[in-house]
PDB file of N, CA and C in Angstrom:
ATOM      1  N   MET A   1     -24.471-182.142  11.636  1.00  0.00           N
ATOM      2  CA  MET A   1     -24.916-183.298  12.820  1.00  0.00           C
ATOM      3  C   MET A   1     -26.462-182.965  13.174  1.00  0.00           C
ATOM      4  N   ILE A   2     -26.678-181.587  13.255  1.00  0.00           N
ATOM      5  CA  ILE A   2     -28.249-181.190  13.515  1.00  0.00           C
ATOM      6  C   ILE A   2     -29.123-181.811  12.485  1.00  0.00           C
ATOM      7  N   GLU A   3     -28.851-181.873  11.291  1.00  0.00           N
ATOM      8  CA  GLU A   3     -29.488-182.440  10.236  1.00  0.00           C
ATOM      9  C   GLU A   3     -30.112-183.861  10.527  1.00  0.00           C
ATOM     10  N   ILE A   4     -29.135-184.720  11.009  1.00  0.00           N
ATOM     11  CA  ILE A   4     -29.564-186.038  11.363  1.00  0.00           C
ATOM     12  C   ILE A   4     -30.408-186.023  12.481  1.00  0.00           C
ATOM     13  N   TYR A   5     -30.596-185.083  13.487  1.00  0.00           N
ATOM     14  CA  TYR A   5     -31.531-185.144  14.185  1.00  0.00           C
ATOM     15  C   TYR A   5     -32.485-184.668  14.035  1.00  0.00           C
ATOM     16  N   LEU A   6     -32.867-183.822  13.176  1.00  0.00           N
ATOM     17  CA  LEU A   6     -34.252-183.669  12.136  1.00  0.00           C
ATOM     18  C   LEU A   6     -34.540-184.421  11.494  1.00  0.00           C
ATOM     19  N   ILE A   7     -33.854-185.143  10.842  1.00  0.00           N
ATOM     20  CA  ILE A   7     -34.431-186.301   9.962  1.00  0.00           C
ATOM     21  C   ILE A   7     -35.047-187.509  10.954  1.00  0.00           C
ATOM     22  N   LEU A   8     -34.226-187.753  12.147  1.00  0.00           N
ATOM     23  CA  LEU A   8     -34.999-188.714  13.222  1.00  0.00           C
ATOM     24  C   LEU A   8     -35.805-188.423  13.806  1.00  0.00           C
ATOM     25  N   ILE A   9     -35.839-187.155  14.230  1.00  0.00           N
ATOM     26  CA  ILE A   9     -37.345-186.682  15.002  1.00  0.00           C
ATOM     27  C   ILE A   9     -38.319-186.352  14.094  1.00  0.00           C
ATOM     28  N   GLY A  10     -38.363-186.286  12.905  1.00  0.00           N
ATOM     29  CA  GLY A  10     -39.231-186.172  11.761  1.00  0.00           C
ATOM     30  C   GLY A  10     -39.688-187.942  11.667  1.00  0.00           C
ATOM     31  N   ILE A  11     -38.919-188.731  11.474  1.00  0.00           N
ATOM     32  CA  ILE A  11     -39.336-189.887  11.366  1.00  0.00           C
ATOM     33  C   ILE A  11     -40.158-190.573  12.937  1.00  0.00           C
ATOM     34  N   ALA A  12     -39.683-190.047  13.839  1.00  0.00           N
ATOM     35  CA  ALA A  12     -40.260-190.444  15.023  1.00  0.00           C
ATOM     36  C   ALA A  12     -41.599-189.465  14.699  1.00  0.00           C
ATOM     37  N   VAL A  13     -41.631-188.298  14.607  1.00  0.00           N
ATOM     38  CA  VAL A  13     -43.366-187.618  14.614  1.00  0.00           C
ATOM     39  C   VAL A  13     -43.907-188.542  13.403  1.00  0.00           C
ATOM     40  N   ILE A  14     -43.703-189.138  12.468  1.00  0.00           N
ATOM     41  CA  ILE A  14     -44.323-189.918  11.498  1.00  0.00           C
ATOM     42  C   ILE A  14     -45.015-191.173  12.467  1.00  0.00           C
ATOM     43  N   LEU A  15     -44.194-191.816  13.010  1.00  0.00           N
ATOM     44  CA  LEU A  15     -44.599-193.081  13.737  1.00  0.00           C
ATOM     45  C   LEU A  15     -45.724-192.618  14.759  1.00  0.00           C
ATOM     46  N   SER A  16     -45.255-191.500  15.297  1.00  0.00           N
ATOM     47  CA  SER A  16     -46.623-190.943  16.425  1.00  0.00           C
ATOM     48  C   SER A  16     -47.910-190.845  15.296  1.00  0.00           C
ATOM     49  N   MET A  17     -47.646-190.425  14.677  1.00  0.00           N
ATOM     50  CA  MET A  17     -48.448-189.896  13.727  1.00  0.00           C
ATOM     51  C   MET A  17     -49.620-190.971  13.406  1.00  0.00           C
ATOM     52  N   TYR A  18     -48.743-192.293  13.289  1.00  0.00           N
ATOM     53  CA  TYR A  18     -49.136-193.697  13.020  1.00  0.00           C
ATOM     54  C   TYR A  18     -50.194-194.194  13.957  1.00  0.00           C
ATOM     55  N   ARG A  19     -49.471-194.080  15.446  1.00  0.00           N
ATOM     56  CA  ARG A  19     -50.155-194.288  16.442  1.00  0.00           C
ATOM     57  C   ARG A  19     -51.377-193.629  16.569  1.00  0.00           C
ATOM     58  N   PHE A  20     -51.307-192.456  16.329  1.00  0.00           N
ATOM     59  CA  PHE A  20     -52.628-191.516  16.471  1.00  0.00           C
ATOM     60  C   PHE A  20     -53.616-192.032  15.670  1.00  0.00           C
ATOM     61  N   PHE A  21     -53.256-192.352  14.499  1.00  0.00           N
ATOM     62  CA  PHE A  21     -54.772-192.694  13.455  1.00  0.00           C
ATOM     63  C   PHE A  21     -54.848-193.895  13.673  1.00  0.00           C
ATOM     64  N   ARG A  22     -53.888-195.180  14.127  1.00  0.00           N
ATOM     65  CA  ARG A  22     -54.177-196.578  14.217  1.00  0.00           C
ATOM     66  C   ARG A  22     -54.679-196.869  16.072  1.00  0.00           C
ATOM     67  N   GLY A  23     -54.739-196.283  16.926  1.00  0.00           N
ATOM     68  CA  GLY A  23     -54.498-196.159  18.144  1.00  0.00           C
ATOM     69  C   GLY A  23     -56.042-196.881  18.584  1.00  0.00           C
ATOM     70  N   PRO A  24     -55.912-198.133  19.129  1.00  0.00           N
ATOM     71  CA  PRO A  24     -57.467-198.554  19.315  1.00  0.00           C
ATOM     72  C   PRO A  24     -58.188-197.588  20.359  1.00  0.00           C
ATOM     73  N   THR A  25     -57.385-197.218  21.197  1.00  0.00           N
ATOM     74  CA  THR A  25     -58.351-196.202  22.363  1.00  0.00           C
ATOM     75  C   THR A  25     -58.125-194.798  22.395  1.00  0.00           C
ATOM     76  N   THR A  26     -58.832-194.139  22.767  1.00  0.00           N
ATOM     77  CA  THR A  26     -58.676-192.682  23.163  1.00  0.00           C
ATOM     78  C   THR A  26     -57.443-192.481  23.489  1.00  0.00           C
ATOM     79  N   ALA A  27     -56.979-193.132  24.815  1.00  0.00           N
ATOM     80  CA  ALA A  27     -55.866-192.836  25.382  1.00  0.00           C
ATOM     81  C   ALA A  27     -54.406-193.015  24.644  1.00  0.00           C
ATOM     82  N   ASP A  28     -54.663-193.945  23.593  1.00  0.00           N
ATOM     83  CA  ASP A  28     -53.578-194.509  23.133  1.00  0.00           C
ATOM     84  C   ASP A  28     -53.409-192.719  21.932  1.00  0.00           C
ATOM     85  N   ARG A  29     -54.727-192.335  21.561  1.00  0.00           N
ATOM     86  CA  ARG A  29     -54.232-191.477  20.573  1.00  0.00           C
ATOM     87  C   ARG A  29     -53.778-190.103  21.325  1.00  0.00           C
ATOM     88  N   ILE A  30     -54.270-189.953  22.613  1.00  0.00           N
ATOM     89  CA  ILE A  30     -53.653-188.717  23.454  1.00  0.00           C
ATOM     90  C   ILE A  30     -52.348-188.589  23.947  1.00  0.00           C
ATOM     91  N   VAL A  31     -51.843-190.211  24.230  1.00  0.00           N
ATOM     92  CA  VAL A  31     -50.309-190.241  24.261  1.00  0.00           C
ATOM     93  C   VAL A  31     -49.630-189.967  22.817  1.00  0.00           C
ATOM     94  N   ALA A  32     -50.358-190.552  21.909  1.00  0.00           N
ATOM     95  CA  ALA A  32     -49.270-190.090  20.592  1.00  0.00           C
ATOM     96  C   ALA A  32     -49.259-188.672  20.284  1.00  0.00           C
ATOM     97  N   VAL A  33     -50.553-187.853  20.758  1.00  0.00           N
ATOM     98  CA  VAL A  33     -50.480-186.180  20.386  1.00  0.00           C
ATOM     99  C   VAL A  33     -49.804-185.617  21.762  1.00  0.00           C
ATOM    100  N   ASP A  34     -49.403-186.204  22.844  1.00  0.00           N
ATOM    101  CA  ASP A  34     -48.323-185.512  23.556  1.00  0.00           C
ATOM    102  C   ASP A  34     -47.261-185.807  22.844  1.00  0.00           C
ATOM    103  N   ILE A  35     -46.658-187.357  22.731  1.00  0.00           N
ATOM    104  CA  ILE A  35     -45.368-187.562  21.902  1.00  0.00           C
ATOM    105  C   ILE A  35     -45.227-186.476  20.816  1.00  0.00           C
ATOM    106  N   MET A  36     -46.268-186.092  20.045  1.00  0.00           N
ATOM    107  CA  MET A  36     -45.655-185.420  18.929  1.00  0.00           C
ATOM    108  C   MET A  36     -45.509-184.024  19.277  1.00  0.00           C
ATOM    109  N   THR A  37     -45.842-183.505  20.035  1.00  0.00           N
ATOM    110  CA  THR A  37     -46.127-181.995  20.608  1.00  0.00           C
ATOM    111  C   THR A  37     -44.884-182.007  21.463  1.00  0.00           C
ATOM    112  N   THR A  38     -44.335-182.912  21.891  1.00  0.00           N
ATOM    113  CA  THR A  38     -42.798-183.198  22.731  1.00  0.00           C
ATOM    114  C   THR A  38     -41.824-182.934  21.388  1.00  0.00           C
ATOM    115  N   LEU A  39     -42.138-184.009  20.868  1.00  0.00           N
ATOM    116  CA  LEU A  39     -41.126-184.220  19.435  1.00  0.00           C
ATOM    117  C   LEU A  39     -41.528-182.513  18.535  1.00  0.00           C
ATOM    118  N   THR A  40     -42.182-182.020  18.571  1.00  0.00           N
ATOM    119  CA  THR A  40     -42.168-181.013  18.034  1.00  0.00           C
ATOM    120  C   THR A  40     -41.614-179.510  18.470  1.00  0.00           C
ATOM    121  N   THR A  41     -41.439-179.673  20.092  1.00  0.00           N
ATOM    122  CA  THR A  41     -40.925-178.851  20.596  1.00  0.00           C
ATOM    123  C   THR A  41     -39.639-178.900  20.364  1.00  0.00           C
ATOM    124  N   GLY A  42     -39.149-180.218  20.435  1.00  0.00           N
ATOM    125  CA  GLY A  42     -37.577-180.723  20.260  1.00  0.00           C
ATOM    126  C   GLY A  42     -36.872-180.162  18.665  1.00  0.00           C
ATOM    127  N   LEU A  43     -38.177-179.948  17.766  1.00  0.00           N
ATOM    128  CA  LEU A  43     -37.649-179.556  16.550  1.00  0.00           C
ATOM    129  C   LEU A  43     -37.738-177.975  16.524  1.00  0.00           C
ATOM    130  N   MET A  44     -38.390-177.531  17.430  1.00  0.00           N
ATOM    131  CA  MET A  44     -38.086-176.178  17.345  1.00  0.00           C
ATOM    132  C   MET A  44     -36.879-175.603  18.086  1.00  0.00           C
ATOM    133  N   VAL A  45     -36.637-176.244  18.994  1.00  0.00           N
ATOM    134  CA  VAL A  45     -34.892-175.993  19.603  1.00  0.00           C
ATOM    135  C   VAL A  45     -34.256-176.491  18.513  1.00  0.00           C
ATOM    136  N   LEU A  46     -34.075-177.508  18.009  1.00  0.00           N
ATOM    137  CA  LEU A  46     -33.320-177.629  16.686  1.00  0.00           C
ATOM    138  C   LEU A  46     -32.957-176.909  15.763  1.00  0.00           C
ATOM    139  N   PHE A  47     -34.244-176.033  15.385  1.00  0.00           N
ATOM    140  CA  PHE A  47     -34.640-175.227  14.500  1.00  0.00           C
ATOM    141  C   PHE A  47     -33.904-173.941  15.119  1.00  0.00           C
ATOM    142  N   ALA A  48     -33.705-173.516  16.527  1.00  0.00           N
ATOM    143  CA  ALA A  48     -33.282-172.527  16.853  1.00  0.00           C
ATOM    144  C   ALA A  48     -31.232-172.595  17.051  1.00  0.00           C
ATOM    145  N   LEU A  49     -30.926-173.772  17.282  1.00  0.00           N
ATOM    146  CA  LEU A  49     -29.555-174.292  17.165  1.00  0.00           C
ATOM    147  C   LEU A  49     -29.145-174.010  15.834  1.00  0.00           C
ATOM    148  N   TYR A  50     -29.736-174.730  14.752  1.00  0.00           N
ATOM    149  CA  TYR A  50     -29.496-174.646  13.363  1.00  0.00           C
ATOM    150  C   TYR A  50     -29.321-173.132  12.812  1.00  0.00           C
ATOM    151  N   TYR A  51     -30.415-172.235  13.197  1.00  0.00           N
ATOM    152  CA  TYR A  51     -30.414-170.810  12.395  1.00  0.00           C
ATOM    153  C   TYR A  51     -29.650-170.028  13.359  1.00  0.00           C
ATOM    154  N   ARG A  52     -29.722-170.093  14.553  1.00  0.00           N
ATOM    155  CA  ARG A  52     -28.865-169.326  15.555  1.00  0.00           C
ATOM    156  C   ARG A  52     -29.935-168.363  16.072  1.00  0.00           C
ATOM    157  N   ARG A  53     -31.131-168.672  16.093  1.00  0.00           N
ATOM    158  CA  ARG A  53     -32.221-167.466  16.427  1.00  0.00           C
ATOM    159  C   ARG A  53     -32.875-168.005  17.805  1.00  0.00           C
ATOM    160  N   ALA A  54     -32.810-167.057  18.724  1.00  0.00           N
ATOM    161  CA  ALA A  54     -33.540-167.348  19.748  1.00  0.00           C
ATOM    162  C   ALA A  54     -34.797-167.138  20.074  1.00  0.00           C
ATOM    163  N   ILE A  55     -35.327-166.582  19.052  1.00  0.00           N
ATOM    164  CA  ILE A  55     -36.933-166.545  19.045  1.00  0.00           C
ATOM    165  C   ILE A  55     -37.610-167.892  19.070  1.00  0.00           C
ATOM    166  N   PHE A  56     -36.707-168.927  18.499  1.00  0.00           N
ATOM    167  CA  PHE A  56     -37.229-170.125  18.363  1.00  0.00           C
ATOM    168  C   PHE A  56     -37.426-170.757  19.711  1.00  0.00           C
ATOM    169  N   LEU A  57     -36.353-170.795  20.556  1.00  0.00           N
ATOM    170  CA  LEU A  57     -36.479-171.207  21.771  1.00  0.00           C
ATOM    171  C   LEU A  57     -37.849-170.335  22.662  1.00  0.00           C
ATOM    172  N   ASP A  58     -38.044-169.253  22.261  1.00  0.00           N
ATOM    173  CA  ASP A  58     -39.306-168.343  23.065  1.00  0.00           C
ATOM    174  C   ASP A  58     -40.592-169.074  22.226  1.00  0.00           C
ATOM    175  N   VAL A  59     -40.599-169.691  21.200  1.00  0.00           N
ATOM    176  CA  VAL A  59     -41.922-170.522  21.000  1.00  0.00           C
ATOM    177  C   VAL A  59     -42.002-171.649  21.495  1.00  0.00           C
ATOM    178  N   ALA A  60     -40.697-172.383  21.228  1.00  0.00           N
ATOM    179  CA  ALA A  60     -40.991-173.743  21.648  1.00  0.00           C
ATOM    180  C   ALA A  60     -41.255-173.492  23.319  1.00  0.00           C
ATOM    181  N   LEU A  61     -40.837-172.829  23.892  1.00  0.00           N
ATOM    182  CA  LEU A  61     -41.253-172.722  25.569  1.00  0.00           C
ATOM    183  C   LEU A  61     -42.709-172.189  25.545  1.00  0.00           C
ATOM    184  N   VAL A  62     -43.238-171.455  24.594  1.00  0.00           N
ATOM    185  CA  VAL A  62     -44.789-171.131  24.956  1.00  0.00           C
ATOM    186  C   VAL A  62     -45.590-172.714  24.385  1.00  0.00           C
ATOM    187  N   TYR A  63     -45.081-173.048  23.325  1.00  0.00           N
ATOM    188  CA  TYR A  63     -45.814-174.220  22.430  1.00  0.00           C
ATOM    189  C   TYR A  63     -45.703-175.464  23.842  1.00  0.00           C
ATOM    190  N   ALA A  64     -44.789-175.617  24.295  1.00  0.00           N
ATOM    191  CA  ALA A  64     -44.263-176.665  25.316  1.00  0.00           C
ATOM    192  C   ALA A  64     -45.565-176.417  26.637  1.00  0.00           C
ATOM    193  N   VAL A  65     -45.525-175.286  27.069  1.00  0.00           N
ATOM    194  CA  VAL A  65     -46.553-175.060  28.024  1.00  0.00           C
ATOM    195  C   VAL A  65     -47.903-175.155  27.477  1.00  0.00           C
ATOM    196  N   LEU A  66     -48.325-174.498  26.234  1.00  0.00           N
ATOM    197  CA  LEU A  66     -49.716-175.070  25.963  1.00  0.00           C
ATOM    198  C   LEU A  66     -49.857-176.471  25.962  1.00  0.00           C
ATOM    199  N   ALA A  67     -49.089-176.798  25.046  1.00  0.00           N
ATOM    200  CA  ALA A  67     -49.392-178.652  25.081  1.00  0.00           C
ATOM    201  C   ALA A  67     -49.443-179.430  26.105  1.00  0.00           C
ATOM    202  N   PHE A  68     -48.855-179.095  27.341  1.00  0.00           N
ATOM    203  CA  PHE A  68     -49.018-179.627  28.591  1.00  0.00           C
ATOM    204  C   PHE A  68     -50.101-179.369  29.106  1.00  0.00           C
ATOM    205  N   VAL A  69     -50.645-178.284  29.166  1.00  0.00           N
ATOM    206  CA  VAL A  69     -52.004-177.855  29.311  1.00  0.00           C
ATOM    207  C   VAL A  69     -53.164-178.830  28.767  1.00  0.00           C
ATOM    208  N   GLY A  70     -52.635-178.738  27.493  1.00  0.00           N
ATOM    209  CA  GLY A  70     -54.056-179.195  26.803  1.00  0.00           C
ATOM    210  C   GLY A  70     -53.919-180.854  27.061  1.00  0.00           C
ATOM    211  N   VAL A  71     -52.893-181.620  27.023  1.00  0.00           N
ATOM    212  CA  VAL A  71     -52.902-182.821  27.450  1.00  0.00           C
ATOM    213  C   VAL A  71     -53.286-183.220  28.873  1.00  0.00           C
ATOM    214  N   ILE A  72     -53.091-182.415  29.899  1.00  0.00           N
ATOM    215  CA  ILE A  72     -53.701-182.455  31.172  1.00  0.00           C
ATOM    216  C   ILE A  72     -55.226-182.363  31.180  1.00  0.00           C
ATOM    217  N   ALA A  73     -55.632-181.373  30.048  1.00  0.00           N
ATOM    218  CA  ALA A  73     -57.173-181.200  29.905  1.00  0.00           C
ATOM    219  C   ALA A  73     -57.758-182.597  29.422  1.00  0.00           C
ATOM    220  N   PHE A  74     -57.298-182.794  28.513  1.00  0.00           N
ATOM    221  CA  PHE A  74     -57.927-184.310  27.869  1.00  0.00           C
ATOM    222  C   PHE A  74     -57.435-185.354  28.752  1.00  0.00           C
ATOM    223  N   ALA A  75     -56.450-185.653  29.670  1.00  0.00           N
ATOM    224  CA  ALA A  75     -56.516-186.500  30.829  1.00  0.00           C
ATOM    225  C   ALA A  75     -57.725-186.235  31.851  1.00  0.00           C
ATOM    226  N   ARG A  76     -57.884-185.237  32.119  1.00  0.00           N
ATOM    227  CA  ARG A  76     -58.746-184.786  33.090  1.00  0.00           C
ATOM    228  C   ARG A  76     -60.341-185.297  32.739  1.00  0.00           C
ATOM    229  N   TYR A  77     -60.453-184.960  31.052  1.00  0.00           N
ATOM    230  CA  TYR A  77     -61.850-185.421  30.890  1.00  0.00           C
ATOM    231  C   TYR A  77     -61.974-186.503  30.701  1.00  0.00           C
ATOM    232  N   MET A  78     -60.996-187.616  30.196  1.00  0.00           N
ATOM    233  CA  MET A  78     -60.894-189.080  30.295  1.00  0.00           C
ATOM    234  C   MET A  78     -61.451-189.519  31.589  1.00  0.00           C
ATOM    235  N   GLU A  79     -60.948-188.834  32.565  1.00  0.00           N
ATOM    236  CA  GLU A  79     -61.373-189.222  33.895  1.00  0.00           C
ATOM    237  C   GLU A  79     -62.583-189.082  34.469  1.00  0.00           C
ATOM    238  N   GLY A  80     -62.974-188.062  33.611  1.00  0.00           N
ATOM    239  CA  GLY A  80     -64.448-187.780  34.153  1.00  0.00           C
ATOM    240  C   GLY A  80     -64.227-186.362  35.333  1.00  0.00           C
ATOM    241  N   GLY A  81     -62.933-185.880  35.230  1.00  0.00           N
ATOM    242  CA  GLY A  81     -63.067-184.571  36.260  1.00  0.00           C
ATOM    243  C   GLY A  81     -63.387-183.442  35.490  1.00  0.00           C
ATOM    244  N   LEU A  82     -63.504-183.143  34.388  1.00  0.00           N
ATOM    245  CA  LEU A  82     -63.567-181.993  33.827  1.00  0.00           C
ATOM    246  C   LEU A  82     -64.859-181.594  33.364  1.00  0.00           C
TER     247      LEU A  82
END
């Protein structure tokens, strides 16, 4: 069952990469990057479940926090507040 989820998240990452490259505005590209980081975090959690290794959960948590900070920095930059 986890394999199906991995495939579905992989397809979602490919679709968000399409939005990143074809996005007409910078905001579309930033949202696409945010979606990709969220999906990548989900992939790491699924890998942790699949391989039964808790270290992947730690890596996913750190990755999610760094991705959040990055998206907030981009959003503030776009507003002109950075």
